[in-house]
Amino acid sequence: MALNNEKRSKNLTLQDVFLKGSIIAVIVSVPSISAFILSWEVLDDLLHAIIIGGVVHFIAMGFSLKISKKLLIKYD
């Protein structure tokens, strides 16, 4: 089945890659920055805020892999 998807997919233009990459970057960075700032304000501890922001960032990166597979594959 993977071969059928590769045969049917078209090449993406450079503009498509930049646009979709920027969307994925926003999806990854906004939750982690928000969690960092919110936890820093609530807990008033920079080290804990960094840890919480990092954990949220890696969780968002896991979701971005699934999202990028749906966004970056272009069919006929």
N, C-alpha and C. Protein backbone atom coordinates (compact mmCIF):
# COMPACT_ATOMS: atom_id res chain seq x y z
N MET A 1 0.82 -1.19 0.00
CA MET A 1 0.00 0.00 0.00
C MET A 1 0.86 1.26 0.00
N ALA A 2 2.03 1.18 0.59
CA ALA A 2 2.92 2.33 0.62
C ALA A 2 3.39 2.69 -0.79
N LEU A 3 3.55 1.69 -1.63
CA LEU A 3 3.97 1.96 -3.00
C LEU A 3 2.92 2.72 -3.77
N ASN A 4 1.64 2.41 -3.51
CA ASN A 4 0.57 3.13 -4.19
C ASN A 4 0.56 4.60 -3.79
N ASN A 5 0.81 4.88 -2.52
CA ASN A 5 0.84 6.27 -2.08
C ASN A 5 2.01 7.02 -2.69
N GLU A 6 3.16 6.37 -2.83
CA GLU A 6 4.32 7.02 -3.41
C GLU A 6 4.11 7.30 -4.90
N LYS A 7 3.45 6.40 -5.59
CA LYS A 7 3.21 6.60 -7.01
C LYS A 7 2.20 7.71 -7.25
N ARG A 8 1.22 7.82 -6.37
CA ARG A 8 0.17 8.81 -6.57
C ARG A 8 0.55 10.20 -6.09
N SER A 9 1.54 10.32 -5.20
CA SER A 9 1.87 11.64 -4.67
C SER A 9 2.66 12.46 -5.68
N LYS A 10 2.42 13.76 -5.65
CA LYS A 10 3.11 14.69 -6.52
C LYS A 10 4.21 15.39 -5.74
N ASN A 11 5.12 15.99 -6.45
CA ASN A 11 6.16 16.77 -5.80
C ASN A 11 5.58 18.08 -5.30
N LEU A 12 6.05 18.51 -4.13
CA LEU A 12 5.62 19.79 -3.58
C LEU A 12 6.54 20.88 -4.07
N THR A 13 5.99 22.06 -4.28
CA THR A 13 6.82 23.20 -4.65
C THR A 13 7.52 23.72 -3.40
N LEU A 14 8.52 24.54 -3.60
CA LEU A 14 9.27 25.11 -2.49
C LEU A 14 8.37 26.00 -1.64
N GLN A 15 7.46 26.71 -2.28
CA GLN A 15 6.52 27.57 -1.56
C GLN A 15 5.59 26.74 -0.67
N ASP A 16 5.13 25.59 -1.17
CA ASP A 16 4.30 24.71 -0.35
C ASP A 16 5.04 24.20 0.87
N VAL A 17 6.30 23.85 0.68
CA VAL A 17 7.10 23.34 1.79
C VAL A 17 7.29 24.42 2.85
N PHE A 18 7.60 25.65 2.44
CA PHE A 18 7.78 26.75 3.39
C PHE A 18 6.48 27.05 4.13
N LEU A 19 5.37 27.09 3.41
CA LEU A 19 4.09 27.40 4.03
C LEU A 19 3.68 26.33 5.03
N LYS A 20 3.73 25.09 4.61
CA LYS A 20 3.32 24.00 5.49
C LYS A 20 4.30 23.79 6.63
N GLY A 21 5.58 24.04 6.39
CA GLY A 21 6.57 23.97 7.45
C GLY A 21 6.36 25.05 8.50
N SER A 22 5.96 26.23 8.05
CA SER A 22 5.68 27.32 8.99
C SER A 22 4.45 27.01 9.84
N ILE A 23 3.46 26.39 9.23
CA ILE A 23 2.26 26.00 9.99
C ILE A 23 2.62 24.98 11.06
N ILE A 24 3.45 24.01 10.71
CA ILE A 24 3.86 23.00 11.67
C ILE A 24 4.71 23.62 12.77
N ALA A 25 5.56 24.60 12.42
CA ALA A 25 6.38 25.27 13.43
C ALA A 25 5.51 26.02 14.43
N VAL A 26 4.45 26.64 13.96
CA VAL A 26 3.53 27.33 14.87
C VAL A 26 2.81 26.33 15.76
N ILE A 27 2.41 25.19 15.20
CA ILE A 27 1.72 24.17 15.97
C ILE A 27 2.62 23.63 17.08
N VAL A 28 3.91 23.54 16.83
CA VAL A 28 4.84 23.03 17.83
C VAL A 28 5.23 24.10 18.84
N SER A 29 5.51 25.31 18.38
CA SER A 29 6.08 26.31 19.27
C SER A 29 5.07 27.04 20.17
N VAL A 30 3.89 27.31 19.68
CA VAL A 30 2.92 28.07 20.47
C VAL A 30 2.52 27.35 21.76
N PRO A 31 2.19 26.06 21.74
CA PRO A 31 1.85 25.40 23.01
C PRO A 31 3.02 25.36 24.00
N SER A 32 4.23 25.14 23.51
CA SER A 32 5.36 25.04 24.43
C SER A 32 5.70 26.40 25.04
N ILE A 33 5.65 27.45 24.25
CA ILE A 33 5.91 28.79 24.78
C ILE A 33 4.80 29.21 25.75
N SER A 34 3.56 28.88 25.41
CA SER A 34 2.45 29.21 26.29
C SER A 34 2.55 28.46 27.62
N ALA A 35 2.89 27.18 27.56
CA ALA A 35 3.04 26.40 28.78
C ALA A 35 4.19 26.92 29.63
N PHE A 36 5.29 27.32 28.98
CA PHE A 36 6.43 27.88 29.71
C PHE A 36 6.04 29.16 30.44
N ILE A 37 5.43 30.09 29.73
CA ILE A 37 5.08 31.38 30.33
C ILE A 37 4.04 31.20 31.43
N LEU A 38 3.03 30.39 31.17
CA LEU A 38 1.98 30.16 32.16
C LEU A 38 2.53 29.49 33.42
N SER A 39 3.36 28.47 33.24
CA SER A 39 3.90 27.79 34.42
C SER A 39 4.91 28.67 35.16
N TRP A 40 5.61 29.54 34.45
CA TRP A 40 6.54 30.45 35.12
C TRP A 40 5.78 31.46 35.97
N GLU A 41 4.66 31.95 35.44
CA GLU A 41 3.85 32.89 36.20
C GLU A 41 3.18 32.24 37.41
N VAL A 42 2.69 31.03 37.23
CA VAL A 42 1.96 30.35 38.31
C VAL A 42 2.93 29.83 39.38
N LEU A 43 3.98 29.13 38.95
CA LEU A 43 4.89 28.50 39.90
C LEU A 43 5.99 29.44 40.39
N ASP A 44 6.30 30.48 39.64
CA ASP A 44 7.35 31.44 39.96
C ASP A 44 8.70 30.74 40.15
N ASP A 45 8.94 29.73 39.31
CA ASP A 45 10.20 28.99 39.35
C ASP A 45 10.64 28.72 37.92
N LEU A 46 11.79 29.27 37.56
CA LEU A 46 12.25 29.19 36.18
C LEU A 46 12.59 27.77 35.77
N LEU A 47 13.23 27.01 36.64
CA LEU A 47 13.65 25.66 36.30
C LEU A 47 12.44 24.75 36.03
N HIS A 48 11.44 24.82 36.88
CA HIS A 48 10.23 24.01 36.65
C HIS A 48 9.51 24.44 35.38
N ALA A 49 9.51 25.73 35.10
CA ALA A 49 8.87 26.24 33.88
C ALA A 49 9.59 25.73 32.64
N ILE A 50 10.92 25.67 32.69
CA ILE A 50 11.69 25.14 31.56
C ILE A 50 11.38 23.67 31.33
N ILE A 51 11.30 22.91 32.41
CA ILE A 51 11.00 21.47 32.29
C ILE A 51 9.61 21.26 31.73
N ILE A 52 8.63 21.99 32.23
CA ILE A 52 7.25 21.85 31.74
C ILE A 52 7.16 22.26 30.27
N GLY A 53 7.80 23.37 29.91
CA GLY A 53 7.81 23.81 28.51
C GLY A 53 8.46 22.80 27.59
N GLY A 54 9.55 22.16 28.08
CA GLY A 54 10.23 21.14 27.27
C GLY A 54 9.37 19.90 27.07
N VAL A 55 8.69 19.48 28.12
CA VAL A 55 7.82 18.30 28.01
C VAL A 55 6.68 18.58 27.02
N VAL A 56 6.06 19.74 27.15
CA VAL A 56 4.98 20.11 26.23
C VAL A 56 5.50 20.21 24.79
N HIS A 57 6.71 20.71 24.65
CA HIS A 57 7.30 20.84 23.31
C HIS A 57 7.48 19.47 22.65
N PHE A 58 7.99 18.48 23.39
CA PHE A 58 8.19 17.16 22.79
C PHE A 58 6.86 16.44 22.53
N ILE A 59 5.86 16.69 23.35
CA ILE A 59 4.54 16.14 23.07
C ILE A 59 3.98 16.75 21.79
N ALA A 60 4.14 18.06 21.64
CA ALA A 60 3.66 18.73 20.42
C ALA A 60 4.43 18.25 19.19
N MET A 61 5.72 17.95 19.35
CA MET A 61 6.49 17.42 18.23
C MET A 61 5.96 16.06 17.80
N GLY A 62 5.51 15.25 18.74
CA GLY A 62 4.92 13.95 18.40
C GLY A 62 3.66 14.11 17.59
N PHE A 63 2.83 15.08 17.97
CA PHE A 63 1.62 15.32 17.20
C PHE A 63 1.92 15.95 15.84
N SER A 64 2.98 16.74 15.77
CA SER A 64 3.29 17.39 14.50
C SER A 64 3.73 16.38 13.45
N LEU A 65 4.28 15.26 13.87
CA LEU A 65 4.65 14.22 12.91
C LEU A 65 3.41 13.68 12.20
N LYS A 66 2.36 13.44 12.97
CA LYS A 66 1.11 12.96 12.36
C LYS A 66 0.48 14.03 11.48
N ILE A 67 0.52 15.27 11.94
CA ILE A 67 -0.07 16.37 11.17
C ILE A 67 0.71 16.60 9.88
N SER A 68 2.04 16.51 9.96
CA SER A 68 2.84 16.76 8.77
C SER A 68 2.63 15.70 7.70
N LYS A 69 2.38 14.46 8.11
CA LYS A 69 2.11 13.42 7.12
C LYS A 69 0.83 13.72 6.35
N LYS A 70 -0.15 14.32 7.03
CA LYS A 70 -1.40 14.66 6.35
C LYS A 70 -1.25 15.92 5.51
N LEU A 71 -0.45 16.88 5.96
CA LEU A 71 -0.31 18.14 5.23
C LEU A 71 0.63 18.02 4.04
N LEU A 72 1.71 17.29 4.17
CA LEU A 72 2.77 17.33 3.17
C LEU A 72 2.60 16.34 2.02
N ILE A 73 1.67 15.41 2.14
CA ILE A 73 1.44 14.49 1.04
C ILE A 73 0.39 15.09 0.12
N LYS A 74 0.75 15.26 -1.12
CA LYS A 74 -0.12 15.88 -2.10
C LYS A 74 -0.50 14.84 -3.15
N TYR A 75 -1.77 14.58 -3.28
CA TYR A 75 -2.24 13.57 -4.24
C TYR A 75 -2.72 14.23 -5.52
N ASP A 76 -2.87 13.42 -6.56
CA ASP A 76 -3.35 13.90 -7.86
C ASP A 76 -4.69 14.57 -7.76
